Amino acid sequence: MKILIVGGKGTIGSKVSAHFSKKHEVIIAGRNSGDVNLEMTDSGSIKDMLVKAAYPELKDNIRINVVSSGLVKAAVVSGL
């Protein structure tokens, strides 16, 4: 299974990434580091990240869970 972890290089994300990478392919997205770049406040950046990380093999089977320690505008995510 492919798992995309946003913030996978951070304090909590690095632990989550290490756990899941034992049995799954982990892709890390981040603003300044990771496998793909991401700016959470920009819907175009989110779309680009999903295309690079998951599309086309997962285009019909994508689940998105958003957990943030800061503010993420729902309109950005719902605009996808």
PDB file of N, CA and C in Angstrom:
ATOM      1  N   MET A   1       0.846  -1.166   0.000  1.00  0.00           N
ATOM      2  CA  MET A   1       0.000   0.000   0.000  1.00  0.00           C
ATOM      3  C   MET A   1       0.894   1.233   0.000  1.00  0.00           C
ATOM      4  N   LYS A   2       0.477   2.255  -0.752  1.00  0.00           N
ATOM      5  CA  LYS A   2       1.153   3.546  -0.758  1.00  0.00           C
ATOM      6  C   LYS A   2       0.508   4.434   0.278  1.00  0.00           C
ATOM      7  N   ILE A   3       1.333   5.031   1.140  1.00  0.00           N
ATOM      8  CA  ILE A   3       0.823   5.941   2.166  1.00  0.00           C
ATOM      9  C   ILE A   3       1.540   7.275   2.022  1.00  0.00           C
ATOM     10  N   LEU A   4       0.760   8.331   1.895  1.00  0.00           N
ATOM     11  CA  LEU A   4       1.290   9.679   1.793  1.00  0.00           C
ATOM     12  C   LEU A   4       1.176  10.334   3.160  1.00  0.00           C
ATOM     13  N   ILE A   5       2.296  10.800   3.680  1.00  0.00           N
ATOM     14  CA  ILE A   5       2.306  11.445   4.987  1.00  0.00           C
ATOM     15  C   ILE A   5       2.792  12.882   4.818  1.00  0.00           C
ATOM     16  N   VAL A   6       1.912  13.820   5.112  1.00  0.00           N
ATOM     17  CA  VAL A   6       2.267  15.231   5.054  1.00  0.00           C
ATOM     18  C   VAL A   6       2.942  15.584   6.376  1.00  0.00           C
ATOM     19  N   GLY A   7       4.119  16.172   6.281  1.00  0.00           N
ATOM     20  CA  GLY A   7       4.865  16.505   7.493  1.00  0.00           C
ATOM     21  C   GLY A   7       5.605  15.299   8.050  1.00  0.00           C
ATOM     22  N   GLY A   8       5.930  14.357   7.195  1.00  0.00           N
ATOM     23  CA  GLY A   8       6.565  13.110   7.630  1.00  0.00           C
ATOM     24  C   GLY A   8       7.991  13.253   8.120  1.00  0.00           C
ATOM     25  N   LYS A   9       8.562  14.438   8.017  1.00  0.00           N
ATOM     26  CA  LYS A   9       9.913  14.687   8.537  1.00  0.00           C
ATOM     27  C   LYS A   9       9.878  15.399   9.889  1.00  0.00           C
ATOM     28  N   GLY A  10       8.673  15.769  10.340  1.00  0.00           N
ATOM     29  CA  GLY A  10       8.533  16.494  11.606  1.00  0.00           C
ATOM     30  C   GLY A  10       8.628  15.575  12.815  1.00  0.00           C
ATOM     31  N   THR A  11       8.420  16.140  13.974  1.00  0.00           N
ATOM     32  CA  THR A  11       8.556  15.400  15.229  1.00  0.00           C
ATOM     33  C   THR A  11       7.616  14.207  15.298  1.00  0.00           C
ATOM     34  N   ILE A  12       6.348  14.419  15.054  1.00  0.00           N
ATOM     35  CA  ILE A  12       5.374  13.327  15.106  1.00  0.00           C
ATOM     36  C   ILE A  12       5.383  12.541  13.796  1.00  0.00           C
ATOM     37  N   GLY A  13       5.417  13.248  12.674  1.00  0.00           N
ATOM     38  CA  GLY A  13       5.374  12.606  11.366  1.00  0.00           C
ATOM     39  C   GLY A  13       6.512  11.636  11.132  1.00  0.00           C
ATOM     40  N   SER A  14       7.691  11.923  11.664  1.00  0.00           N
ATOM     41  CA  SER A  14       8.825  11.011  11.474  1.00  0.00           C
ATOM     42  C   SER A  14       8.586   9.675  12.170  1.00  0.00           C
ATOM     43  N   LYS A  15       7.913   9.699  13.295  1.00  0.00           N
ATOM     44  CA  LYS A  15       7.567   8.446  13.999  1.00  0.00           C
ATOM     45  C   LYS A  15       6.514   7.665  13.221  1.00  0.00           C
ATOM     46  N   VAL A  16       5.516   8.392  12.712  1.00  0.00           N
ATOM     47  CA  VAL A  16       4.461   7.762  11.917  1.00  0.00           C
ATOM     48  C   VAL A  16       5.066   7.161  10.645  1.00  0.00           C
ATOM     49  N   SER A  17       5.941   7.912   9.980  1.00  0.00           N
ATOM     50  CA  SER A  17       6.590   7.438   8.756  1.00  0.00           C
ATOM     51  C   SER A  17       7.428   6.191   9.020  1.00  0.00           C
ATOM     52  N   ALA A  18       8.182   6.204  10.091  1.00  0.00           N
ATOM     53  CA  ALA A  18       9.024   5.054  10.426  1.00  0.00           C
ATOM     54  C   ALA A  18       8.170   3.808  10.673  1.00  0.00           C
ATOM     55  N   HIS A  19       7.070   3.978  11.360  1.00  0.00           N
ATOM     56  CA  HIS A  19       6.176   2.846  11.653  1.00  0.00           C
ATOM     57  C   HIS A  19       5.608   2.239  10.371  1.00  0.00           C
ATOM     58  N   PHE A  20       5.033   3.081   9.515  1.00  0.00           N
ATOM     59  CA  PHE A  20       4.365   2.563   8.321  1.00  0.00           C
ATOM     60  C   PHE A  20       5.335   2.106   7.245  1.00  0.00           C
ATOM     61  N   SER A  21       6.552   2.651   7.222  1.00  0.00           N
ATOM     62  CA  SER A  21       7.507   2.268   6.177  1.00  0.00           C
ATOM     63  C   SER A  21       8.025   0.846   6.351  1.00  0.00           C
ATOM     64  N   LYS A  22       7.767   0.233   7.498  1.00  0.00           N
ATOM     65  CA  LYS A  22       8.184  -1.160   7.708  1.00  0.00           C
ATOM     66  C   LYS A  22       7.436  -2.121   6.791  1.00  0.00           C
ATOM     67  N   LYS A  23       6.188  -1.803   6.474  1.00  0.00           N
ATOM     68  CA  LYS A  23       5.372  -2.717   5.670  1.00  0.00           C
ATOM     69  C   LYS A  23       4.757  -2.070   4.431  1.00  0.00           C
ATOM     70  N   HIS A  24       4.946  -0.762   4.251  1.00  0.00           N
ATOM     71  CA  HIS A  24       4.281  -0.054   3.156  1.00  0.00           C
ATOM     72  C   HIS A  24       5.247   0.913   2.481  1.00  0.00           C
ATOM     73  N   GLU A  25       4.883   1.346   1.296  1.00  0.00           N
ATOM     74  CA  GLU A  25       5.637   2.381   0.610  1.00  0.00           C
ATOM     75  C   GLU A  25       5.152   3.728   1.145  1.00  0.00           C
ATOM     76  N   VAL A  26       6.045   4.468   1.772  1.00  0.00           N
ATOM     77  CA  VAL A  26       5.696   5.756   2.367  1.00  0.00           C
ATOM     78  C   VAL A  26       6.251   6.879   1.499  1.00  0.00           C
ATOM     79  N   ILE A  27       5.392   7.833   1.180  1.00  0.00           N
ATOM     80  CA  ILE A  27       5.780   9.030   0.456  1.00  0.00           C
ATOM     81  C   ILE A  27       5.573  10.202   1.411  1.00  0.00           C
ATOM     82  N   ILE A  28       6.610  10.998   1.571  1.00  0.00           N
ATOM     83  CA  ILE A  28       6.546  12.125   2.504  1.00  0.00           C
ATOM     84  C   ILE A  28       6.401  13.421   1.716  1.00  0.00           C
ATOM     85  N   ALA A  29       5.415  14.221   2.117  1.00  0.00           N
ATOM     86  CA  ALA A  29       5.194  15.534   1.518  1.00  0.00           C
ATOM     87  C   ALA A  29       5.471  16.600   2.568  1.00  0.00           C
ATOM     88  N   GLY A  30       6.099  17.668   2.139  1.00  0.00           N
ATOM     89  CA  GLY A  30       6.377  18.761   3.061  1.00  0.00           C
ATOM     90  C   GLY A  30       6.678  20.047   2.319  1.00  0.00           C
ATOM     91  N   ARG A  31       6.621  21.119   3.028  1.00  0.00           N
ATOM     92  CA  ARG A  31       6.874  22.434   2.434  1.00  0.00           C
ATOM     93  C   ARG A  31       8.345  22.589   2.058  1.00  0.00           C
ATOM     94  N   ASN A  32       9.238  22.113   2.926  1.00  0.00           N
ATOM     95  CA  ASN A  32      10.670  22.302   2.695  1.00  0.00           C
ATOM     96  C   ASN A  32      11.449  21.005   2.524  1.00  0.00           C
ATOM     97  N   SER A  33      10.837  19.878   2.807  1.00  0.00           N
ATOM     98  CA  SER A  33      11.550  18.605   2.691  1.00  0.00           C
ATOM     99  C   SER A  33      10.559  17.495   2.371  1.00  0.00           C
ATOM    100  N   GLY A  34      11.078  16.359   1.969  1.00  0.00           N
ATOM    101  CA  GLY A  34      10.232  15.222   1.658  1.00  0.00           C
ATOM    102  C   GLY A  34      10.367  14.800   0.209  1.00  0.00           C
ATOM    103  N   ASP A  35       9.562  13.813  -0.182  1.00  0.00           N
ATOM    104  CA  ASP A  35       9.596  13.289  -1.543  1.00  0.00           C
ATOM    105  C   ASP A  35       8.877  14.210  -2.527  1.00  0.00           C
ATOM    106  N   VAL A  36       7.853  14.898  -2.075  1.00  0.00           N
ATOM    107  CA  VAL A  36       7.111  15.854  -2.904  1.00  0.00           C
ATOM    108  C   VAL A  36       6.881  17.136  -2.113  1.00  0.00           C
ATOM    109  N   ASN A  37       6.828  18.257  -2.821  1.00  0.00           N
ATOM    110  CA  ASN A  37       6.603  19.555  -2.178  1.00  0.00           C
ATOM    111  C   ASN A  37       5.116  19.815  -2.004  1.00  0.00           C
ATOM    112  N   LEU A  38       4.793  20.551  -0.949  1.00  0.00           N
ATOM    113  CA  LEU A  38       3.392  20.833  -0.650  1.00  0.00           C
ATOM    114  C   LEU A  38       3.272  22.133   0.124  1.00  0.00           C
ATOM    115  N   GLU A  39       2.342  22.974  -0.298  1.00  0.00           N
ATOM    116  CA  GLU A  39       1.940  24.163   0.461  1.00  0.00           C
ATOM    117  C   GLU A  39       0.456  23.997   0.746  1.00  0.00           C
ATOM    118  N   MET A  40       0.105  23.694   1.990  1.00  0.00           N
ATOM    119  CA  MET A  40      -1.266  23.338   2.368  1.00  0.00           C
ATOM    120  C   MET A  40      -2.292  24.445   2.130  1.00  0.00           C
ATOM    121  N   THR A  41      -1.858  25.681   1.992  1.00  0.00           N
ATOM    122  CA  THR A  41      -2.819  26.769   1.781  1.00  0.00           C
ATOM    123  C   THR A  41      -3.086  27.033   0.305  1.00  0.00           C
ATOM    124  N   ASP A  42      -2.489  26.233  -0.573  1.00  0.00           N
ATOM    125  CA  ASP A  42      -2.623  26.433  -2.016  1.00  0.00           C
ATOM    126  C   ASP A  42      -3.212  25.179  -2.658  1.00  0.00           C
ATOM    127  N   SER A  43      -4.457  25.266  -3.155  1.00  0.00           N
ATOM    128  CA  SER A  43      -5.113  24.088  -3.721  1.00  0.00           C
ATOM    129  C   SER A  43      -4.353  23.546  -4.928  1.00  0.00           C
ATOM    130  N   GLY A  44      -3.702  24.411  -5.703  1.00  0.00           N
ATOM    131  CA  GLY A  44      -2.895  23.947  -6.830  1.00  0.00           C
ATOM    132  C   GLY A  44      -1.726  23.100  -6.376  1.00  0.00           C
ATOM    133  N   SER A  45      -1.110  23.477  -5.266  1.00  0.00           N
ATOM    134  CA  SER A  45      -0.005  22.711  -4.700  1.00  0.00           C
ATOM    135  C   SER A  45      -0.482  21.342  -4.217  1.00  0.00           C
ATOM    136  N   ILE A  46      -1.674  21.296  -3.626  1.00  0.00           N
ATOM    137  CA  ILE A  46      -2.240  20.028  -3.151  1.00  0.00           C
ATOM    138  C   ILE A  46      -2.518  19.110  -4.337  1.00  0.00           C
ATOM    139  N   LYS A  47      -3.104  19.649  -5.396  1.00  0.00           N
ATOM    140  CA  LYS A  47      -3.372  18.847  -6.595  1.00  0.00           C
ATOM    141  C   LYS A  47      -2.074  18.325  -7.194  1.00  0.00           C
ATOM    142  N   ASP A  48      -1.058  19.178  -7.310  1.00  0.00           N
ATOM    143  CA  ASP A  48       0.236  18.755  -7.858  1.00  0.00           C
ATOM    144  C   ASP A  48       0.853  17.644  -7.021  1.00  0.00           C
ATOM    145  N   MET A  49       0.760  17.774  -5.707  1.00  0.00           N
ATOM    146  CA  MET A  49       1.314  16.772  -4.812  1.00  0.00           C
ATOM    147  C   MET A  49       0.604  15.439  -4.994  1.00  0.00           C
ATOM    148  N   LEU A  50      -0.728  15.456  -5.101  1.00  0.00           N
ATOM    149  CA  LEU A  50      -1.475  14.213  -5.286  1.00  0.00           C
ATOM    150  C   LEU A  50      -1.141  13.556  -6.621  1.00  0.00           C
ATOM    151  N   VAL A  51      -0.963  14.360  -7.661  1.00  0.00           N
ATOM    152  CA  VAL A  51      -0.599  13.816  -8.970  1.00  0.00           C
ATOM    153  C   VAL A  51       0.766  13.145  -8.900  1.00  0.00           C
ATOM    154  N   LYS A  52       1.726  13.805  -8.277  1.00  0.00           N
ATOM    155  CA  LYS A  52       3.081  13.253  -8.193  1.00  0.00           C
ATOM    156  C   LYS A  52       3.147  12.036  -7.284  1.00  0.00           C
ATOM    157  N   ALA A  53       2.377  12.047  -6.202  1.00  0.00           N
ATOM    158  CA  ALA A  53       2.474  10.991  -5.201  1.00  0.00           C
ATOM    159  C   ALA A  53       1.606   9.783  -5.493  1.00  0.00           C
ATOM    160  N   ALA A  54       0.452   9.974  -6.074  1.00  0.00           N
ATOM    161  CA  ALA A  54      -0.514   8.878  -6.133  1.00  0.00           C
ATOM    162  C   ALA A  54      -1.109   8.611  -7.498  1.00  0.00           C
ATOM    163  N   TYR A  55      -1.231   9.585  -8.304  1.00  0.00           N
ATOM    164  CA  TYR A  55      -1.922   9.458  -9.575  1.00  0.00           C
ATOM    165  C   TYR A  55      -0.966   8.887 -10.611  1.00  0.00           C
ATOM    166  N   PRO A  56      -1.312   8.006 -11.524  1.00  0.00           N
ATOM    167  CA  PRO A  56      -2.664   7.601 -11.866  1.00  0.00           C
ATOM    168  C   PRO A  56      -3.115   6.304 -11.196  1.00  0.00           C
ATOM    169  N   GLU A  57      -2.192   5.547 -10.619  1.00  0.00           N
ATOM    170  CA  GLU A  57      -2.595   4.225 -10.134  1.00  0.00           C
ATOM    171  C   GLU A  57      -3.588   4.258  -8.985  1.00  0.00           C
ATOM    172  N   LEU A  58      -3.685   5.365  -8.288  1.00  0.00           N
ATOM    173  CA  LEU A  58      -4.609   5.450  -7.162  1.00  0.00           C
ATOM    174  C   LEU A  58      -5.741   6.432  -7.388  1.00  0.00           C
ATOM    175  N   LYS A  59      -5.915   6.898  -8.624  1.00  0.00           N
ATOM    176  CA  LYS A  59      -6.866   7.986  -8.866  1.00  0.00           C
ATOM    177  C   LYS A  59      -8.285   7.669  -8.427  1.00  0.00           C
ATOM    178  N   ASP A  60      -8.677   6.412  -8.417  1.00  0.00           N
ATOM    179  CA  ASP A  60     -10.031   6.043  -8.003  1.00  0.00           C
ATOM    180  C   ASP A  60     -10.081   5.495  -6.582  1.00  0.00           C
ATOM    181  N   ASN A  61      -8.958   5.533  -5.872  1.00  0.00           N
ATOM    182  CA  ASN A  61      -8.909   4.939  -4.538  1.00  0.00           C
ATOM    183  C   ASN A  61      -8.063   5.803  -3.609  1.00  0.00           C
ATOM    184  N   ILE A  62      -8.385   7.073  -3.516  1.00  0.00           N
ATOM    185  CA  ILE A  62      -7.629   7.990  -2.661  1.00  0.00           C
ATOM    186  C   ILE A  62      -8.463   8.352  -1.443  1.00  0.00           C
ATOM    187  N   ARG A  63      -7.867   8.259  -0.275  1.00  0.00           N
ATOM    188  CA  ARG A  63      -8.493   8.699   0.972  1.00  0.00           C
ATOM    189  C   ARG A  63      -7.627   9.822   1.528  1.00  0.00           C
ATOM    190  N   ILE A  64      -8.259  10.880   1.966  1.00  0.00           N
ATOM    191  CA  ILE A  64      -7.522  12.011   2.512  1.00  0.00           C
ATOM    192  C   ILE A  64      -7.954  12.244   3.953  1.00  0.00           C
ATOM    193  N   ASN A  65      -6.998  12.218   4.861  1.00  0.00           N
ATOM    194  CA  ASN A  65      -7.223  12.582   6.256  1.00  0.00           C
ATOM    195  C   ASN A  65      -6.342  13.781   6.534  1.00  0.00           C
ATOM    196  N   VAL A  66      -6.924  14.847   7.044  1.00  0.00           N
ATOM    197  CA  VAL A  66      -6.159  16.052   7.328  1.00  0.00           C
ATOM    198  C   VAL A  66      -6.095  16.243   8.833  1.00  0.00           C
ATOM    199  N   VAL A  67      -4.868  16.296   9.337  1.00  0.00           N
ATOM    200  CA  VAL A  67      -4.625  16.595  10.743  1.00  0.00           C
ATOM    201  C   VAL A  67      -3.604  17.718  10.751  1.00  0.00           C
ATOM    202  N   SER A  68      -3.909  18.786  11.453  1.00  0.00           N
ATOM    203  CA  SER A  68      -3.021  19.934  11.432  1.00  0.00           C
ATOM    204  C   SER A  68      -2.892  20.534  12.816  1.00  0.00           C
ATOM    205  N   SER A  69      -1.673  20.955  13.129  1.00  0.00           N
ATOM    206  CA  SER A  69      -1.487  21.673  14.393  1.00  0.00           C
ATOM    207  C   SER A  69      -1.757  23.157  14.197  1.00  0.00           C
ATOM    208  N   GLY A  70      -1.939  23.560  12.947  1.00  0.00           N
ATOM    209  CA  GLY A  70      -2.236  24.949  12.628  1.00  0.00           C
ATOM    210  C   GLY A  70      -3.575  25.039  11.911  1.00  0.00           C
ATOM    211  N   LEU A  71      -3.812  26.165  11.291  1.00  0.00           N
ATOM    212  CA  LEU A  71      -5.067  26.415  10.622  1.00  0.00           C
ATOM    213  C   LEU A  71      -4.998  25.977   9.163  1.00  0.00           C
ATOM    214  N   VAL A  72      -5.913  25.120   8.752  1.00  0.00           N
ATOM    215  CA  VAL A  72      -6.061  24.735   7.345  1.00  0.00           C
ATOM    216  C   VAL A  72      -7.468  25.104   6.940  1.00  0.00           C
ATOM    217  N   LYS A  73      -7.606  25.952   5.949  1.00  0.00           N
ATOM    218  CA  LYS A  73      -8.925  26.396   5.520  1.00  0.00           C
ATOM    219  C   LYS A  73      -9.642  25.262   4.814  1.00  0.00           C
ATOM    220  N   ALA A  74     -10.842  24.950   5.250  1.00  0.00           N
ATOM    221  CA  ALA A  74     -11.622  23.865   4.655  1.00  0.00           C
ATOM    222  C   ALA A  74     -11.882  24.108   3.184  1.00  0.00           C
ATOM    223  N   ALA A  75     -11.981  25.352   2.775  1.00  0.00           N
ATOM    224  CA  ALA A  75     -12.262  25.670   1.379  1.00  0.00           C
ATOM    225  C   ALA A  75     -11.155  25.174   0.460  1.00  0.00           C
ATOM    226  N   VAL A  76      -9.917  25.191   0.926  1.00  0.00           N
ATOM    227  CA  VAL A  76      -8.803  24.714   0.099  1.00  0.00           C
ATOM    228  C   VAL A  76      -8.970  23.231  -0.171  1.00  0.00           C
ATOM    229  N   VAL A  77      -9.241  22.455   0.853  1.00  0.00           N
ATOM    230  CA  VAL A  77      -9.378  21.017   0.698  1.00  0.00           C
ATOM    231  C   VAL A  77     -10.651  20.674  -0.063  1.00  0.00           C
ATOM    232  N   SER A  78     -11.747  21.336   0.237  1.00  0.00           N
ATOM    233  CA  SER A  78     -12.994  21.024  -0.433  1.00  0.00           C
ATOM    234  C   SER A  78     -12.977  21.440  -1.894  1.00  0.00           C
ATOM    235  N   GLY A  79     -12.098  22.333  -2.274  1.00  0.00           N
ATOM    236  CA  GLY A  79     -11.989  22.779  -3.647  1.00  0.00           C
ATOM    237  C   GLY A  79     -11.344  21.765  -4.573  1.00  0.00           C
ATOM    238  N   LEU A  80     -10.850  20.684  -4.036  1.00  0.00           N
ATOM    239  CA  LEU A  80     -10.239  19.661  -4.866  1.00  0.00           C
ATOM    240  C   LEU A  80     -11.310  18.876  -5.560  1.00  0.00           C
TER     241      LEU A  80
END
